[in-house]
Each structure stands twice: as C-alpha cells, then as structure tokens.
Amino acid sequence: MLNHYQKLNVSTGQSFEVCDVTENICAVVRESGVLEGMVTITSLHTTCALSVNENEARLFEDIRNFFFSIVSPAASYKHNDLHLRVNIPPDEPENAHSHLIAMMLGNSEIVTVHNGALVLGSYQSILLLEMDGPRERKLAVQVLGVQ
C-alpha cells in the first residue's frame, strides 16, 4: 500500500470566500502514484472548512448569505470578548462566527481515487470555505492506496 502525505498552502483574499482546490488535490494524487484508493483532505485551521459541492459563484453568495443568517458576524459572542481571554495576540480578530460556521461544515473530506483520478460527480468540486480571511491556509492531504 502506498502512503503519500503533503501540505498545501492556499491564499485567500476575502473575509468570506470559497476557493476551489480540486486541481491542487488532483496534482497531489498524480504525484502520489496511487491508482486505486482514497485521498483525505484536512484543514489545519478552526475558521475555515472543506466541502464537496458545486463551483458556482451565485451559489457561493447563497452559501455566505445562508450561514450569515444563522450565525451573524454582528451578533454578540463570548469568544469575541478579547479583553477577557488570556494570551491573545494583538492582531486577534473577533471571529466567533467563523468558528461556528466551520464547525457546521467540518474540516475534512475523503474522496475516492479510481484509475489515478478523483471520483467526483459532474458538478462536484473540492471547496475550501474561508470564514476569517484573508489568510494563508494549510491543508493536509494524504493519499492512500495501490498502484
């Protein structure tokens, strides 16, 4: 069994942004040499998430509006009482809403690899959802399988 591990960096440019990372993951799978198996993608952050869904700009607006209707950035959160927390860096943002949205979405995805390619439906992409940007994000990608 082959085991290939790699970290990917993804730069985000907005406070809330959806980034298609499918091609990045495809490149890691190709590099791994795995023909049959799976790839696990994990966000190494608590304020961004991963999802398999459609890469469509209007849907991204709907996703943002949906989550902000449930978890408003303007609401009052105890996590945002920065003066009451210890060991907080001076540039710490008020980002409780980002943590809550990320918890609803989850921080990892597993995708099947068949014939050396990701098995995704016609409209499916691997999406990184940024809720606390802009930032430099890291993804842990592990490909397991056989040649």
C-alpha atoms as a PDB file:
ATOM      1  CA  MET A   1       0.000   0.000   0.000  1.00  0.00           C
ATOM      2  CA  LEU A   2       1.259   3.477  -0.895  1.00  0.00           C
ATOM      3  CA  ASN A   3       1.009   6.372   1.540  1.00  0.00           C
ATOM      4  CA  HIS A   4       1.707   9.887   0.244  1.00  0.00           C
ATOM      5  CA  TYR A   5       1.408  12.957   2.506  1.00  0.00           C
ATOM      6  CA  GLN A   6       1.710  16.587   1.502  1.00  0.00           C
ATOM      7  CA  LYS A   7       0.765  20.005   2.887  1.00  0.00           C
ATOM      8  CA  LEU A   8      -0.786  22.549   0.533  1.00  0.00           C
ATOM      9  CA  ASN A   9      -0.872  26.310   1.020  1.00  0.00           C
ATOM     10  CA  VAL A  10      -3.938  28.241  -0.096  1.00  0.00           C
ATOM     11  CA  SER A  11      -4.017  32.038  -0.015  1.00  0.00           C
ATOM     12  CA  THR A  12      -7.421  33.610   0.495  1.00  0.00           C
ATOM     13  CA  GLY A  13      -8.219  37.215  -0.259  1.00  0.00           C
ATOM     14  CA  GLN A  14     -11.558  37.958   1.401  1.00  0.00           C
ATOM     15  CA  SER A  15     -13.132  37.647   4.831  1.00  0.00           C
ATOM     16  CA  PHE A  16     -15.600  35.065   3.466  1.00  0.00           C
ATOM     17  CA  GLU A  17     -14.511  33.239   0.333  1.00  0.00           C
ATOM     18  CA  VAL A  18     -14.999  29.895  -1.377  1.00  0.00           C
ATOM     19  CA  CYS A  19     -11.888  28.540  -3.141  1.00  0.00           C
ATOM     20  CA  ASP A  20     -11.916  25.570  -5.500  1.00  0.00           C
ATOM     21  CA  VAL A  21      -8.914  23.394  -4.568  1.00  0.00           C
ATOM     22  CA  THR A  22      -9.822  20.432  -6.792  1.00  0.00           C
ATOM     23  CA  GLU A  23      -6.903  20.888  -9.193  1.00  0.00           C
ATOM     24  CA  ASN A  24      -4.466  21.192  -6.284  1.00  0.00           C
ATOM     25  CA  ILE A  25      -5.731  17.881  -4.884  1.00  0.00           C
ATOM     26  CA  CYS A  26      -5.604  16.235  -8.340  1.00  0.00           C
ATOM     27  CA  ALA A  27      -1.940  17.222  -8.600  1.00  0.00           C
ATOM     28  CA  VAL A  28      -1.144  15.592  -5.247  1.00  0.00           C
ATOM     29  CA  VAL A  29      -2.950  12.400  -6.293  1.00  0.00           C
ATOM     30  CA  ARG A  30      -0.982  12.286  -9.574  1.00  0.00           C
ATOM     31  CA  GLU A  31       2.279  12.824  -7.687  1.00  0.00           C
ATOM     32  CA  SER A  32       1.390  10.023  -5.247  1.00  0.00           C
ATOM     33  CA  GLY A  33       1.266   7.323  -7.906  1.00  0.00           C
ATOM     34  CA  VAL A  34      -1.891   5.889  -6.307  1.00  0.00           C
ATOM     35  CA  LEU A  35      -4.281   4.432  -8.883  1.00  0.00           C
ATOM     36  CA  GLU A  36      -6.893   2.907  -6.559  1.00  0.00           C
ATOM     37  CA  GLY A  37      -7.598   4.238  -3.081  1.00  0.00           C
ATOM     38  CA  MET A  38      -8.634   7.451  -1.389  1.00  0.00           C
ATOM     39  CA  VAL A  39      -7.462  10.932  -0.563  1.00  0.00           C
ATOM     40  CA  THR A  40      -8.167  12.665   2.713  1.00  0.00           C
ATOM     41  CA  ILE A  41      -8.045  16.461   2.795  1.00  0.00           C
ATOM     42  CA  THR A  42      -7.958  18.191   6.196  1.00  0.00           C
ATOM     43  CA  SER A  43      -7.981  21.892   7.021  1.00  0.00           C
ATOM     44  CA  LEU A  44      -5.393  22.731   9.671  1.00  0.00           C
ATOM     45  CA  HIS A  45      -7.450  25.701  10.898  1.00  0.00           C
ATOM     46  CA  THR A  46     -10.506  26.318  13.048  1.00  0.00           C
ATOM     47  CA  THR A  47     -12.031  29.116  10.969  1.00  0.00           C
ATOM     48  CA  CYS A  48     -12.130  27.536   7.526  1.00  0.00           C
ATOM     49  CA  ALA A  49     -13.802  24.376   6.314  1.00  0.00           C
ATOM     50  CA  LEU A  50     -13.928  21.903   3.442  1.00  0.00           C
ATOM     51  CA  SER A  51     -16.876  20.718   1.405  1.00  0.00           C
ATOM     52  CA  VAL A  52     -17.590  18.832  -1.800  1.00  0.00           C
ATOM     53  CA  ASN A  53     -20.070  20.942  -3.725  1.00  0.00           C
ATOM     54  CA  GLU A  54     -20.626  22.911  -6.931  1.00  0.00           C
ATOM     55  CA  ASN A  55     -18.172  25.587  -8.036  1.00  0.00           C
ATOM     56  CA  GLU A  56     -20.642  28.315  -8.986  1.00  0.00           C
ATOM     57  CA  ALA A  57     -20.305  31.981  -7.992  1.00  0.00           C
ATOM     58  CA  ARG A  58     -24.005  32.595  -7.308  1.00  0.00           C
ATOM     59  CA  LEU A  59     -24.107  29.506  -5.086  1.00  0.00           C
ATOM     60  CA  PHE A  60     -21.142  30.939  -3.161  1.00  0.00           C
ATOM     61  CA  GLU A  61     -23.222  34.063  -2.456  1.00  0.00           C
ATOM     62  CA  ASP A  62     -26.101  31.851  -1.306  1.00  0.00           C
ATOM     63  CA  ILE A  63     -23.769  29.902   0.995  1.00  0.00           C
ATOM     64  CA  ARG A  64     -22.470  33.120   2.557  1.00  0.00           C
ATOM     65  CA  ASN A  65     -25.962  34.574   2.994  1.00  0.00           C
ATOM     66  CA  PHE A  66     -27.297  31.321   4.432  1.00  0.00           C
ATOM     67  CA  PHE A  67     -24.588  30.986   7.074  1.00  0.00           C
ATOM     68  CA  PHE A  68     -24.625  34.682   7.972  1.00  0.00           C
ATOM     69  CA  SER A  69     -28.419  34.428   8.501  1.00  0.00           C
ATOM     70  CA  ILE A  70     -27.773  31.686  11.073  1.00  0.00           C
ATOM     71  CA  VAL A  71     -24.510  32.984  12.567  1.00  0.00           C
ATOM     72  CA  SER A  72     -24.320  36.742  12.167  1.00  0.00           C
ATOM     73  CA  PRO A  73     -20.844  38.304  12.376  1.00  0.00           C
ATOM     74  CA  ALA A  74     -22.508  41.261  14.122  1.00  0.00           C
ATOM     75  CA  ALA A  75     -24.003  39.192  16.972  1.00  0.00           C
ATOM     76  CA  SER A  76     -22.536  39.169  20.468  1.00  0.00           C
ATOM     77  CA  TYR A  77     -20.269  36.195  21.273  1.00  0.00           C
ATOM     78  CA  LYS A  78     -18.271  35.472  24.428  1.00  0.00           C
ATOM     79  CA  HIS A  79     -15.285  34.386  22.295  1.00  0.00           C
ATOM     80  CA  ASN A  80     -15.145  37.953  20.957  1.00  0.00           C
ATOM     81  CA  ASP A  81     -14.609  39.405  24.458  1.00  0.00           C
ATOM     82  CA  LEU A  82     -10.896  39.556  23.726  1.00  0.00           C
ATOM     83  CA  HIS A  83     -10.122  41.562  26.872  1.00  0.00           C
ATOM     84  CA  LEU A  84     -11.330  38.596  28.983  1.00  0.00           C
ATOM     85  CA  ARG A  85      -9.171  35.983  27.232  1.00  0.00           C
ATOM     86  CA  VAL A  86      -5.544  35.198  28.066  1.00  0.00           C
ATOM     87  CA  ASN A  87      -2.515  35.040  25.762  1.00  0.00           C
ATOM     88  CA  ILE A  88      -4.283  36.732  22.869  1.00  0.00           C
ATOM     89  CA  PRO A  89      -2.076  38.182  20.113  1.00  0.00           C
ATOM     90  CA  PRO A  90      -2.562  41.920  19.495  1.00  0.00           C
ATOM     91  CA  ASP A  91      -3.973  41.295  15.996  1.00  0.00           C
ATOM     92  CA  GLU A  92      -6.570  38.711  17.121  1.00  0.00           C
ATOM     93  CA  PRO A  93      -9.852  39.292  15.232  1.00  0.00           C
ATOM     94  CA  GLU A  94     -13.351  38.961  16.619  1.00  0.00           C
ATOM     95  CA  ASN A  95     -14.140  35.741  14.800  1.00  0.00           C
ATOM     96  CA  ALA A  96     -16.536  33.609  16.861  1.00  0.00           C
ATOM     97  CA  HIS A  97     -18.937  33.443  13.913  1.00  0.00           C
ATOM     98  CA  SER A  98     -16.141  31.947  11.789  1.00  0.00           C
ATOM     99  CA  HIS A  99     -15.532  29.150  14.302  1.00  0.00           C
ATOM    100  CA  LEU A 100     -19.250  28.344  14.485  1.00  0.00           C
ATOM    101  CA  ILE A 101     -19.717  28.159  10.705  1.00  0.00           C
ATOM    102  CA  ALA A 102     -16.602  25.993  10.349  1.00  0.00           C
ATOM    103  CA  MET A 103     -17.991  23.600  12.970  1.00  0.00           C
ATOM    104  CA  MET A 104     -21.211  23.210  10.970  1.00  0.00           C
ATOM    105  CA  LEU A 105     -19.326  22.432   7.752  1.00  0.00           C
ATOM    106  CA  GLY A 106     -16.457  20.302   9.045  1.00  0.00           C
ATOM    107  CA  ASN A 107     -12.725  20.366   8.445  1.00  0.00           C
ATOM    108  CA  SER A 108     -12.127  17.337   6.230  1.00  0.00           C
ATOM    109  CA  GLU A 109     -13.260  15.425   3.169  1.00  0.00           C
ATOM    110  CA  ILE A 110     -12.458  11.960   1.834  1.00  0.00           C
ATOM    111  CA  VAL A 111     -12.641  11.367  -1.918  1.00  0.00           C
ATOM    112  CA  THR A 112     -12.265   8.057  -3.742  1.00  0.00           C
ATOM    113  CA  VAL A 113      -9.395   7.644  -6.209  1.00  0.00           C
ATOM    114  CA  HIS A 114     -10.029   5.331  -9.191  1.00  0.00           C
ATOM    115  CA  ASN A 115      -7.686   4.873 -12.179  1.00  0.00           C
ATOM    116  CA  GLY A 116      -5.457   7.591 -10.691  1.00  0.00           C
ATOM    117  CA  ALA A 117      -8.200  10.242 -10.688  1.00  0.00           C
ATOM    118  CA  LEU A 118     -10.600  11.731  -8.153  1.00  0.00           C
ATOM    119  CA  VAL A 119     -14.087  10.256  -8.281  1.00  0.00           C
ATOM    120  CA  LEU A 120     -16.350  13.309  -8.300  1.00  0.00           C
ATOM    121  CA  GLY A 121     -19.774  13.864  -9.827  1.00  0.00           C
ATOM    122  CA  SER A 122     -20.338  16.136 -12.826  1.00  0.00           C
ATOM    123  CA  TYR A 123     -20.809  19.281 -10.740  1.00  0.00           C
ATOM    124  CA  GLN A 124     -18.688  18.383  -7.719  1.00  0.00           C
ATOM    125  CA  SER A 125     -15.536  20.222  -6.690  1.00  0.00           C
ATOM    126  CA  ILE A 126     -13.471  20.215  -3.516  1.00  0.00           C
ATOM    127  CA  LEU A 127     -14.033  23.599  -1.913  1.00  0.00           C
ATOM    128  CA  LEU A 128     -12.190  25.398   0.859  1.00  0.00           C
ATOM    129  CA  LEU A 129     -14.508  27.819   2.642  1.00  0.00           C
ATOM    130  CA  GLU A 130     -12.718  30.733   4.273  1.00  0.00           C
ATOM    131  CA  MET A 131     -14.632  32.481   7.067  1.00  0.00           C
ATOM    132  CA  ASP A 132     -11.857  34.571   8.635  1.00  0.00           C
ATOM    133  CA  GLY A 133      -9.672  35.884   5.847  1.00  0.00           C
ATOM    134  CA  PRO A 134      -7.737  36.987   4.125  1.00  0.00           C
ATOM    135  CA  ARG A 135      -5.208  34.424   5.324  1.00  0.00           C
ATOM    136  CA  GLU A 136      -2.672  31.846   4.277  1.00  0.00           C
ATOM    137  CA  ARG A 137      -4.296  28.443   4.887  1.00  0.00           C
ATOM    138  CA  LYS A 138      -2.763  24.990   5.076  1.00  0.00           C
ATOM    139  CA  LEU A 139      -4.343  21.725   4.011  1.00  0.00           C
ATOM    140  CA  ALA A 140      -3.016  18.301   4.953  1.00  0.00           C
ATOM    141  CA  VAL A 141      -3.506  15.894   2.056  1.00  0.00           C
ATOM    142  CA  GLN A 142      -2.946  12.153   2.438  1.00  0.00           C
ATOM    143  CA  VAL A 143      -3.353   9.707  -0.412  1.00  0.00           C
ATOM    144  CA  LEU A 144      -3.624   6.015   0.455  1.00  0.00           C
ATOM    145  CA  GLY A 145      -3.943   3.149  -1.976  1.00  0.00           C
ATOM    146  CA  VAL A 146      -2.259   0.920  -4.521  1.00  0.00           C
ATOM    147  CA  GLN A 147      -0.671   1.328  -7.936  1.00  0.00           C
END
